[in-house]
Amino acid sequence: MSTENTPAVLPAYQIILRPLVTEKGMHRSTRYNQYAFEVNSQATKEDVKRAVEDLFNVKVEKVRTQNRLGKSRRHKFKLGATKGWKKALVTLNEEHRIDFY
């Protein structure tokens, strides 16, 4: 008997944590039809593609991901760090758009 570790499939609303709405992101959305999201750190590119297509009813062409490291912080004499997070850049089909406003 072999026991395989299969990851649990997360629902779409647990994969996409929040959209990243910045000036650079708005420029990318108008020029390249790309949108940035903060995603669950355990999500794969296929998971992100499925979640965006389910939540926004669009066709995804490409997904690129980045693991962002947390920054070191200091408060008086205590050292700490912010948490690391995962960013996903999603390129949509030419016919589709996402309106955050």
PDB file of N, CA and C in Angstrom:
ATOM      1  N   MET A   1       0.829  -1.183   0.000  1.00  0.00           N
ATOM      2  CA  MET A   1       0.000   0.000   0.000  1.00  0.00           C
ATOM      3  C   MET A   1       0.867   1.238   0.000  1.00  0.00           C
ATOM      4  N   SER A   2       0.551   2.153  -0.868  1.00  0.00           N
ATOM      5  CA  SER A   2       1.278   3.412  -0.890  1.00  0.00           C
ATOM      6  C   SER A   2       0.351   4.525  -0.436  1.00  0.00           C
ATOM      7  N   THR A   3       0.853   5.336   0.427  1.00  0.00           N
ATOM      8  CA  THR A   3       0.078   6.487   0.880  1.00  0.00           C
ATOM      9  C   THR A   3       0.701   7.725   0.270  1.00  0.00           C
ATOM     10  N   GLU A   4      -0.062   8.380  -0.548  1.00  0.00           N
ATOM     11  CA  GLU A   4       0.412   9.578  -1.211  1.00  0.00           C
ATOM     12  C   GLU A   4      -0.090  10.800  -0.470  1.00  0.00           C
ATOM     13  N   ASN A   5       0.748  11.798  -0.395  1.00  0.00           N
ATOM     14  CA  ASN A   5       0.344  13.057   0.206  1.00  0.00           C
ATOM     15  C   ASN A   5      -0.239  13.943  -0.880  1.00  0.00           C
ATOM     16  N   THR A   6      -1.552  13.953  -0.975  1.00  0.00           N
ATOM     17  CA  THR A   6      -2.215  14.812  -1.946  1.00  0.00           C
ATOM     18  C   THR A   6      -2.668  16.066  -1.220  1.00  0.00           C
ATOM     19  N   PRO A   7      -2.316  17.245  -1.731  1.00  0.00           N
ATOM     20  CA  PRO A   7      -2.716  18.476  -1.061  1.00  0.00           C
ATOM     21  C   PRO A   7      -4.220  18.682  -1.151  1.00  0.00           C
ATOM     22  N   ALA A   8      -4.779  19.271  -0.123  1.00  0.00           N
ATOM     23  CA  ALA A   8      -6.203  19.569  -0.106  1.00  0.00           C
ATOM     24  C   ALA A   8      -6.498  20.682  -1.105  1.00  0.00           C
ATOM     25  N   VAL A   9      -7.596  20.568  -1.805  1.00  0.00           N
ATOM     26  CA  VAL A   9      -7.985  21.580  -2.782  1.00  0.00           C
ATOM     27  C   VAL A   9      -8.688  22.710  -2.038  1.00  0.00           C
ATOM     28  N   LEU A  10      -8.120  23.898  -2.135  1.00  0.00           N
ATOM     29  CA  LEU A  10      -8.690  25.061  -1.465  1.00  0.00           C
ATOM     30  C   LEU A  10      -9.788  25.671  -2.317  1.00  0.00           C
ATOM     31  N   PRO A  11     -10.842  26.207  -1.683  1.00  0.00           N
ATOM     32  CA  PRO A  11     -11.845  26.934  -2.459  1.00  0.00           C
ATOM     33  C   PRO A  11     -11.266  28.241  -3.007  1.00  0.00           C
ATOM     34  N   ALA A  12     -11.905  28.768  -4.036  1.00  0.00           N
ATOM     35  CA  ALA A  12     -11.379  29.948  -4.736  1.00  0.00           C
ATOM     36  C   ALA A  12     -11.247  31.149  -3.813  1.00  0.00           C
ATOM     37  N   TYR A  13     -12.185  31.343  -2.894  1.00  0.00           N
ATOM     38  CA  TYR A  13     -12.127  32.505  -2.019  1.00  0.00           C
ATOM     39  C   TYR A  13     -11.032  32.389  -0.969  1.00  0.00           C
ATOM     40  N   GLN A  14     -10.426  31.210  -0.787  1.00  0.00           N
ATOM     41  CA  GLN A  14      -9.300  31.067   0.123  1.00  0.00           C
ATOM     42  C   GLN A  14      -7.962  31.160  -0.608  1.00  0.00           C
ATOM     43  N   ILE A  15      -7.980  31.074  -1.917  1.00  0.00           N
ATOM     44  CA  ILE A  15      -6.748  31.185  -2.707  1.00  0.00           C
ATOM     45  C   ILE A  15      -6.427  32.657  -2.961  1.00  0.00           C
ATOM     46  N   ILE A  16      -7.394  33.415  -3.453  1.00  0.00           N
ATOM     47  CA  ILE A  16      -7.201  34.838  -3.720  1.00  0.00           C
ATOM     48  C   ILE A  16      -7.513  35.587  -2.429  1.00  0.00           C
ATOM     49  N   LEU A  17      -6.484  36.167  -1.801  1.00  0.00           N
ATOM     50  CA  LEU A  17      -6.688  36.861  -0.533  1.00  0.00           C
ATOM     51  C   LEU A  17      -7.142  38.304  -0.740  1.00  0.00           C
ATOM     52  N   ARG A  18      -6.490  39.013  -1.665  1.00  0.00           N
ATOM     53  CA  ARG A  18      -6.899  40.392  -1.956  1.00  0.00           C
ATOM     54  C   ARG A  18      -6.234  40.850  -3.242  1.00  0.00           C
ATOM     55  N   PRO A  19      -6.869  41.782  -3.957  1.00  0.00           N
ATOM     56  CA  PRO A  19      -6.202  42.368  -5.121  1.00  0.00           C
ATOM     57  C   PRO A  19      -5.197  43.413  -4.656  1.00  0.00           C
ATOM     58  N   LEU A  20      -4.128  43.564  -5.408  1.00  0.00           N
ATOM     59  CA  LEU A  20      -3.122  44.585  -5.117  1.00  0.00           C
ATOM     60  C   LEU A  20      -3.383  45.758  -6.055  1.00  0.00           C
ATOM     61  N   VAL A  21      -3.988  46.811  -5.524  1.00  0.00           N
ATOM     62  CA  VAL A  21      -4.351  47.976  -6.323  1.00  0.00           C
ATOM     63  C   VAL A  21      -3.315  49.064  -6.055  1.00  0.00           C
ATOM     64  N   THR A  22      -2.394  49.235  -7.007  1.00  0.00           N
ATOM     65  CA  THR A  22      -1.344  50.241  -6.912  1.00  0.00           C
ATOM     66  C   THR A  22      -1.276  51.000  -8.232  1.00  0.00           C
ATOM     67  N   GLU A  23      -0.476  52.043  -8.269  1.00  0.00           N
ATOM     68  CA  GLU A  23      -0.312  52.779  -9.531  1.00  0.00           C
ATOM     69  C   GLU A  23       0.295  51.885 -10.605  1.00  0.00           C
ATOM     70  N   LYS A  24       1.305  51.121 -10.224  1.00  0.00           N
ATOM     71  CA  LYS A  24       1.939  50.216 -11.178  1.00  0.00           C
ATOM     72  C   LYS A  24       0.946  49.155 -11.647  1.00  0.00           C
ATOM     73  N   GLY A  25       0.122  48.660 -10.736  1.00  0.00           N
ATOM     74  CA  GLY A  25      -0.880  47.671 -11.098  1.00  0.00           C
ATOM     75  C   GLY A  25      -1.934  48.224 -12.037  1.00  0.00           C
ATOM     76  N   MET A  26      -2.337  49.485 -11.818  1.00  0.00           N
ATOM     77  CA  MET A  26      -3.316  50.107 -12.711  1.00  0.00           C
ATOM     78  C   MET A  26      -2.723  50.303 -14.108  1.00  0.00           C
ATOM     79  N   HIS A  27      -1.438  50.648 -14.166  1.00  0.00           N
ATOM     80  CA  HIS A  27      -0.765  50.790 -15.455  1.00  0.00           C
ATOM     81  C   HIS A  27      -0.717  49.445 -16.181  1.00  0.00           C
ATOM     82  N   ARG A  28      -0.378  48.391 -15.447  1.00  0.00           N
ATOM     83  CA  ARG A  28      -0.341  47.047 -16.051  1.00  0.00           C
ATOM     84  C   ARG A  28      -1.715  46.610 -16.530  1.00  0.00           C
ATOM     85  N   SER A  29      -2.756  46.949 -15.773  1.00  0.00           N
ATOM     86  CA  SER A  29      -4.096  46.501 -16.159  1.00  0.00           C
ATOM     87  C   SER A  29      -4.571  47.187 -17.435  1.00  0.00           C
ATOM     88  N   THR A  30      -4.229  48.462 -17.614  1.00  0.00           N
ATOM     89  CA  THR A  30      -4.675  49.153 -18.821  1.00  0.00           C
ATOM     90  C   THR A  30      -3.819  48.804 -20.032  1.00  0.00           C
ATOM     91  N   ARG A  31      -2.504  48.652 -19.835  1.00  0.00           N
ATOM     92  CA  ARG A  31      -1.617  48.421 -20.967  1.00  0.00           C
ATOM     93  C   ARG A  31      -1.476  46.944 -21.336  1.00  0.00           C
ATOM     94  N   TYR A  32      -1.268  46.080 -20.334  1.00  0.00           N
ATOM     95  CA  TYR A  32      -0.969  44.674 -20.607  1.00  0.00           C
ATOM     96  C   TYR A  32      -2.083  43.713 -20.199  1.00  0.00           C
ATOM     97  N   ASN A  33      -3.179  44.226 -19.644  1.00  0.00           N
ATOM     98  CA  ASN A  33      -4.290  43.398 -19.168  1.00  0.00           C
ATOM     99  C   ASN A  33      -3.817  42.398 -18.112  1.00  0.00           C
ATOM    100  N   GLN A  34      -2.945  42.863 -17.200  1.00  0.00           N
ATOM    101  CA  GLN A  34      -2.435  42.048 -16.102  1.00  0.00           C
ATOM    102  C   GLN A  34      -2.964  42.586 -14.784  1.00  0.00           C
ATOM    103  N   TYR A  35      -3.260  41.680 -13.868  1.00  0.00           N
ATOM    104  CA  TYR A  35      -3.773  42.051 -12.560  1.00  0.00           C
ATOM    105  C   TYR A  35      -2.959  41.335 -11.491  1.00  0.00           C
ATOM    106  N   ALA A  36      -2.708  42.028 -10.377  1.00  0.00           N
ATOM    107  CA  ALA A  36      -1.893  41.473  -9.299  1.00  0.00           C
ATOM    108  C   ALA A  36      -2.791  41.138  -8.112  1.00  0.00           C
ATOM    109  N   PHE A  37      -2.499  40.000  -7.483  1.00  0.00           N
ATOM    110  CA  PHE A  37      -3.254  39.546  -6.323  1.00  0.00           C
ATOM    111  C   PHE A  37      -2.298  39.031  -5.265  1.00  0.00           C
ATOM    112  N   GLU A  38      -2.668  39.196  -3.997  1.00  0.00           N
ATOM    113  CA  GLU A  38      -1.991  38.470  -2.928  1.00  0.00           C
ATOM    114  C   GLU A  38      -2.723  37.145  -2.806  1.00  0.00           C
ATOM    115  N   VAL A  39      -1.967  36.046  -2.869  1.00  0.00           N
ATOM    116  CA  VAL A  39      -2.582  34.722  -2.872  1.00  0.00           C
ATOM    117  C   VAL A  39      -2.056  33.891  -1.710  1.00  0.00           C
ATOM    118  N   ASN A  40      -2.739  32.802  -1.451  1.00  0.00           N
ATOM    119  CA  ASN A  40      -2.333  31.864  -0.413  1.00  0.00           C
ATOM    120  C   ASN A  40      -0.957  31.314  -0.765  1.00  0.00           C
ATOM    121  N   SER A  41      -0.082  31.214   0.216  1.00  0.00           N
ATOM    122  CA  SER A  41       1.295  30.802  -0.062  1.00  0.00           C
ATOM    123  C   SER A  41       1.393  29.341  -0.493  1.00  0.00           C
ATOM    124  N   GLN A  42       0.355  28.542  -0.259  1.00  0.00           N
ATOM    125  CA  GLN A  42       0.371  27.140  -0.671  1.00  0.00           C
ATOM    126  C   GLN A  42      -0.254  26.916  -2.045  1.00  0.00           C
ATOM    127  N   ALA A  43      -0.789  27.967  -2.648  1.00  0.00           N
ATOM    128  CA  ALA A  43      -1.481  27.838  -3.932  1.00  0.00           C
ATOM    129  C   ALA A  43      -0.478  27.736  -5.076  1.00  0.00           C
ATOM    130  N   THR A  44      -0.804  26.905  -6.058  1.00  0.00           N
ATOM    131  CA  THR A  44       0.013  26.765  -7.253  1.00  0.00           C
ATOM    132  C   THR A  44      -0.533  27.680  -8.345  1.00  0.00           C
ATOM    133  N   LYS A  45       0.181  27.742  -9.475  1.00  0.00           N
ATOM    134  CA  LYS A  45      -0.283  28.565 -10.591  1.00  0.00           C
ATOM    135  C   LYS A  45      -1.626  28.072 -11.120  1.00  0.00           C
ATOM    136  N   GLU A  46      -1.800  26.760 -11.163  1.00  0.00           N
ATOM    137  CA  GLU A  46      -3.072  26.195 -11.628  1.00  0.00           C
ATOM    138  C   GLU A  46      -4.209  26.565 -10.677  1.00  0.00           C
ATOM    139  N   ASP A  47      -3.931  26.554  -9.366  1.00  0.00           N
ATOM    140  CA  ASP A  47      -4.946  26.946  -8.386  1.00  0.00           C
ATOM    141  C   ASP A  47      -5.345  28.402  -8.573  1.00  0.00           C
ATOM    142  N   VAL A  48      -4.365  29.274  -8.783  1.00  0.00           N
ATOM    143  CA  VAL A  48      -4.640  30.699  -8.965  1.00  0.00           C
ATOM    144  C   VAL A  48      -5.456  30.914 -10.233  1.00  0.00           C
ATOM    145  N   LYS A  49      -5.099  30.232 -11.307  1.00  0.00           N
ATOM    146  CA  LYS A  49      -5.841  30.357 -12.566  1.00  0.00           C
ATOM    147  C   LYS A  49      -7.297  29.943 -12.383  1.00  0.00           C
ATOM    148  N   ARG A  50      -7.509  28.810 -11.730  1.00  0.00           N
ATOM    149  CA  ARG A  50      -8.873  28.317 -11.497  1.00  0.00           C
ATOM    150  C   ARG A  50      -9.662  29.291 -10.636  1.00  0.00           C
ATOM    151  N   ALA A  51      -9.024  29.830  -9.592  1.00  0.00           N
ATOM    152  CA  ALA A  51      -9.716  30.731  -8.670  1.00  0.00           C
ATOM    153  C   ALA A  51     -10.117  32.034  -9.353  1.00  0.00           C
ATOM    154  N   VAL A  52      -9.229  32.620 -10.146  1.00  0.00           N
ATOM    155  CA  VAL A  52      -9.545  33.877 -10.827  1.00  0.00           C
ATOM    156  C   VAL A  52     -10.657  33.659 -11.846  1.00  0.00           C
ATOM    157  N   GLU A  53     -10.590  32.565 -12.578  1.00  0.00           N
ATOM    158  CA  GLU A  53     -11.641  32.280 -13.554  1.00  0.00           C
ATOM    159  C   GLU A  53     -12.984  32.054 -12.871  1.00  0.00           C
ATOM    160  N   ASP A  54     -12.995  31.397 -11.715  1.00  0.00           N
ATOM    161  CA  ASP A  54     -14.250  31.152 -11.001  1.00  0.00           C
ATOM    162  C   ASP A  54     -14.816  32.424 -10.379  1.00  0.00           C
ATOM    163  N   LEU A  55     -13.963  33.228  -9.741  1.00  0.00           N
ATOM    164  CA  LEU A  55     -14.448  34.399  -9.011  1.00  0.00           C
ATOM    165  C   LEU A  55     -14.855  35.548  -9.927  1.00  0.00           C
ATOM    166  N   PHE A  56     -14.128  35.766 -11.021  1.00  0.00           N
ATOM    167  CA  PHE A  56     -14.365  36.942 -11.857  1.00  0.00           C
ATOM    168  C   PHE A  56     -14.968  36.620 -13.223  1.00  0.00           C
ATOM    169  N   ASN A  57     -15.206  35.349 -13.529  1.00  0.00           N
ATOM    170  CA  ASN A  57     -15.794  34.933 -14.814  1.00  0.00           C
ATOM    171  C   ASN A  57     -15.007  35.483 -16.003  1.00  0.00           C
ATOM    172  N   VAL A  58     -13.698  35.228 -16.010  1.00  0.00           N
ATOM    173  CA  VAL A  58     -12.811  35.686 -17.081  1.00  0.00           C
ATOM    174  C   VAL A  58     -11.989  34.500 -17.567  1.00  0.00           C
ATOM    175  N   LYS A  59     -11.282  34.679 -18.681  1.00  0.00           N
ATOM    176  CA  LYS A  59     -10.387  33.665 -19.231  1.00  0.00           C
ATOM    177  C   LYS A  59      -8.950  34.091 -18.969  1.00  0.00           C
ATOM    178  N   VAL A  60      -8.197  33.257 -18.240  1.00  0.00           N
ATOM    179  CA  VAL A  60      -6.822  33.566 -17.870  1.00  0.00           C
ATOM    180  C   VAL A  60      -5.874  32.973 -18.901  1.00  0.00           C
ATOM    181  N   GLU A  61      -4.943  33.798 -19.389  1.00  0.00           N
ATOM    182  CA  GLU A  61      -3.933  33.343 -20.339  1.00  0.00           C
ATOM    183  C   GLU A  61      -2.691  32.808 -19.631  1.00  0.00           C
ATOM    184  N   LYS A  62      -2.192  33.543 -18.623  1.00  0.00           N
ATOM    185  CA  LYS A  62      -0.914  33.212 -18.007  1.00  0.00           C
ATOM    186  C   LYS A  62      -0.918  33.661 -16.552  1.00  0.00           C
ATOM    187  N   VAL A  63      -0.203  32.905 -15.704  1.00  0.00           N
ATOM    188  CA  VAL A  63      -0.046  33.258 -14.296  1.00  0.00           C
ATOM    189  C   VAL A  63       1.437  33.226 -13.955  1.00  0.00           C
ATOM    190  N   ARG A  64       1.922  34.289 -13.331  1.00  0.00           N
ATOM    191  CA  ARG A  64       3.296  34.331 -12.826  1.00  0.00           C
ATOM    192  C   ARG A  64       3.223  34.587 -11.328  1.00  0.00           C
ATOM    193  N   THR A  65       4.061  33.889 -10.563  1.00  0.00           N
ATOM    194  CA  THR A  65       4.019  34.035  -9.113  1.00  0.00           C
ATOM    195  C   THR A  65       5.374  34.478  -8.577  1.00  0.00           C
ATOM    196  N   GLN A  66       5.332  35.136  -7.429  1.00  0.00           N
ATOM    197  CA  GLN A  66       6.534  35.571  -6.728  1.00  0.00           C
ATOM    198  C   GLN A  66       6.343  35.294  -5.249  1.00  0.00           C
ATOM    199  N   ASN A  67       7.386  34.780  -4.597  1.00  0.00           N
ATOM    200  CA  ASN A  67       7.392  34.667  -3.148  1.00  0.00           C
ATOM    201  C   ASN A  67       8.124  35.882  -2.608  1.00  0.00           C
ATOM    202  N   ARG A  68       7.392  36.733  -1.903  1.00  0.00           N
ATOM    203  CA  ARG A  68       7.958  37.969  -1.378  1.00  0.00           C
ATOM    204  C   ARG A  68       8.408  37.732   0.058  1.00  0.00           C
ATOM    205  N   LEU A  69       9.644  38.088   0.361  1.00  0.00           N
ATOM    206  CA  LEU A  69      10.171  37.925   1.706  1.00  0.00           C
ATOM    207  C   LEU A  69       9.684  39.054   2.600  1.00  0.00           C
ATOM    208  N   GLY A  70       9.515  38.744   3.888  1.00  0.00           N
ATOM    209  CA  GLY A  70       9.125  39.767   4.843  1.00  0.00           C
ATOM    210  C   GLY A  70      10.286  40.709   5.126  1.00  0.00           C
ATOM    211  N   LYS A  71       9.964  41.936   5.474  1.00  0.00           N
ATOM    212  CA  LYS A  71      10.995  42.933   5.765  1.00  0.00           C
ATOM    213  C   LYS A  71      11.328  42.913   7.255  1.00  0.00           C
ATOM    214  N   SER A  72      12.575  43.170   7.578  1.00  0.00           N
ATOM    215  CA  SER A  72      12.953  43.244   8.986  1.00  0.00           C
ATOM    216  C   SER A  72      12.503  44.590   9.542  1.00  0.00           C
ATOM    217  N   ARG A  73      11.994  44.557  10.751  1.00  0.00           N
ATOM    218  CA  ARG A  73      11.476  45.751  11.415  1.00  0.00           C
ATOM    219  C   ARG A  73      12.071  45.840  12.812  1.00  0.00           C
ATOM    220  N   ARG A  74      12.110  47.057  13.333  1.00  0.00           N
ATOM    221  CA  ARG A  74      12.627  47.261  14.672  1.00  0.00           C
ATOM    222  C   ARG A  74      11.733  48.244  15.395  1.00  0.00           C
ATOM    223  N   HIS A  75      11.406  47.942  16.632  1.00  0.00           N
ATOM    224  CA  HIS A  75      10.655  48.851  17.482  1.00  0.00           C
ATOM    225  C   HIS A  75      11.429  49.004  18.778  1.00  0.00           C
ATOM    226  N   LYS A  76      11.999  50.165  18.974  1.00  0.00           N
ATOM    227  CA  LYS A  76      12.909  50.439  20.090  1.00  0.00           C
ATOM    228  C   LYS A  76      14.051  49.423  20.070  1.00  0.00           C
ATOM    229  N   PHE A  77      14.077  48.507  21.021  1.00  0.00           N
ATOM    230  CA  PHE A  77      15.190  47.564  21.082  1.00  0.00           C
ATOM    231  C   PHE A  77      14.797  46.159  20.641  1.00  0.00           C
ATOM    232  N   LYS A  78      13.576  45.990  20.156  1.00  0.00           N
ATOM    233  CA  LYS A  78      13.123  44.670  19.716  1.00  0.00           C
ATOM    234  C   LYS A  78      13.290  44.536  18.210  1.00  0.00           C
ATOM    235  N   LEU A  79      13.795  43.398  17.785  1.00  0.00           N
ATOM    236  CA  LEU A  79      13.898  43.107  16.361  1.00  0.00           C
ATOM    237  C   LEU A  79      12.770  42.160  15.972  1.00  0.00           C
ATOM    238  N   GLY A  80      12.234  42.336  14.790  1.00  0.00           N
ATOM    239  CA  GLY A  80      11.172  41.476  14.307  1.00  0.00           C
ATOM    240  C   GLY A  80      11.157  41.500  12.794  1.00  0.00           C
ATOM    241  N   ALA A  81      10.130  40.917  12.238  1.00  0.00           N
ATOM    242  CA  ALA A  81       9.998  40.895  10.779  1.00  0.00           C
ATOM    243  C   ALA A  81       8.530  40.781  10.410  1.00  0.00           C
ATOM    244  N   THR A  82       8.182  41.362   9.267  1.00  0.00           N
ATOM    245  CA  THR A  82       6.843  41.166   8.738  1.00  0.00           C
ATOM    246  C   THR A  82       6.793  39.804   8.066  1.00  0.00           C
ATOM    247  N   LYS A  83       5.611  39.298   7.870  1.00  0.00           N
ATOM    248  CA  LYS A  83       5.488  37.958   7.293  1.00  0.00           C
ATOM    249  C   LYS A  83       5.749  37.990   5.786  1.00  0.00           C
ATOM    250  N   GLY A  84       6.240  36.887   5.269  1.00  0.00           N
ATOM    251  CA  GLY A  84       6.390  36.737   3.832  1.00  0.00           C
ATOM    252  C   GLY A  84       5.043  36.446   3.203  1.00  0.00           C
ATOM    253  N   TRP A  85       4.904  36.721   1.907  1.00  0.00           N
ATOM    254  CA  TRP A  85       3.643  36.490   1.231  1.00  0.00           C
ATOM    255  C   TRP A  85       3.886  36.143  -0.229  1.00  0.00           C
ATOM    256  N   LYS A  86       2.856  35.680  -0.891  1.00  0.00           N
ATOM    257  CA  LYS A  86       2.959  35.263  -2.282  1.00  0.00           C
ATOM    258  C   LYS A  86       2.120  36.192  -3.152  1.00  0.00           C
ATOM    259  N   LYS A  87       2.729  36.611  -4.245  1.00  0.00           N
ATOM    260  CA  LYS A  87       2.086  37.531  -5.186  1.00  0.00           C
ATOM    261  C   LYS A  87       1.877  36.799  -6.500  1.00  0.00           C
ATOM    262  N   ALA A  88       0.741  37.040  -7.141  1.00  0.00           N
ATOM    263  CA  ALA A  88       0.462  36.437  -8.436  1.00  0.00           C
ATOM    264  C   ALA A  88       0.112  37.532  -9.436  1.00  0.00           C
ATOM    265  N   LEU A  89       0.772  37.515 -10.596  1.00  0.00           N
ATOM    266  CA  LEU A  89       0.435  38.393 -11.714  1.00  0.00           C
ATOM    267  C   LEU A  89      -0.335  37.561 -12.725  1.00  0.00           C
ATOM    268  N   VAL A  90      -1.571  37.950 -12.984  1.00  0.00           N
ATOM    269  CA  VAL A  90      -2.467  37.186 -13.840  1.00  0.00           C
ATOM    270  C   VAL A  90      -2.710  37.968 -15.124  1.00  0.00           C
ATOM    271  N   THR A  91      -2.392  37.364 -16.253  1.00  0.00           N
ATOM    272  CA  THR A  91      -2.654  37.972 -17.559  1.00  0.00           C
ATOM    273  C   THR A  91      -3.943  37.383 -18.115  1.00  0.00           C
ATOM    274  N   LEU A  92      -4.869  38.271 -18.472  1.00  0.00           N
ATOM    275  CA  LEU A  92      -6.169  37.835 -18.973  1.00  0.00           C
ATOM    276  C   LEU A  92      -6.203  37.839 -20.498  1.00  0.00           C
ATOM    277  N   ASN A  93      -7.206  37.159 -21.028  1.00  0.00           N
ATOM    278  CA  ASN A  93      -7.476  37.164 -22.456  1.00  0.00           C
ATOM    279  C   ASN A  93      -7.845  38.598 -22.870  1.00  0.00           C
ATOM    280  N   GLU A  94      -7.619  38.941 -24.132  1.00  0.00           N
ATOM    281  CA  GLU A  94      -7.837  40.311 -24.607  1.00  0.00           C
ATOM    282  C   GLU A  94      -9.271  40.784 -24.435  1.00  0.00           C
ATOM    283  N   GLU A  95     -10.238  39.873 -24.488  1.00  0.00           N
ATOM    284  CA  GLU A  95     -11.644  40.276 -24.416  1.00  0.00           C
ATOM    285  C   GLU A  95     -12.128  40.528 -23.002  1.00  0.00           C
ATOM    286  N   HIS A  96     -11.371  40.101 -21.999  1.00  0.00           N
ATOM    287  CA  HIS A  96     -11.848  40.167 -20.619  1.00  0.00           C
ATOM    288  C   HIS A  96     -11.147  41.260 -19.837  1.00  0.00           C
ATOM    289  N   ARG A  97     -11.882  41.821 -18.883  1.00  0.00           N
ATOM    290  CA  ARG A  97     -11.384  42.864 -17.978  1.00  0.00           C
ATOM    291  C   ARG A  97     -11.945  42.595 -16.592  1.00  0.00           C
ATOM    292  N   ILE A  98     -11.217  43.098 -15.567  1.00  0.00           N
ATOM    293  CA  ILE A  98     -11.712  43.055 -14.194  1.00  0.00           C
ATOM    294  C   ILE A  98     -11.805  44.492 -13.718  1.00  0.00           C
ATOM    295  N   ASP A  99     -12.966  44.879 -13.200  1.00  0.00           N
ATOM    296  CA  ASP A  99     -13.158  46.236 -12.661  1.00  0.00           C
ATOM    297  C   ASP A  99     -13.212  46.137 -11.141  1.00  0.00           C
ATOM    298  N   PHE A 100     -12.215  46.734 -10.471  1.00  0.00           N
ATOM    299  CA  PHE A 100     -12.191  46.702  -9.020  1.00  0.00           C
ATOM    300  C   PHE A 100     -13.015  47.842  -8.425  1.00  0.00           C
ATOM    301  N   TYR A 101     -13.354  48.848  -9.222  1.00  0.00           N
ATOM    302  CA  TYR A 101     -14.097  49.983  -8.711  1.00  0.00           C
ATOM    303  C   TYR A 101     -15.485  50.008  -9.280  1.00  0.00           C
TER     304      TYR A 101
END
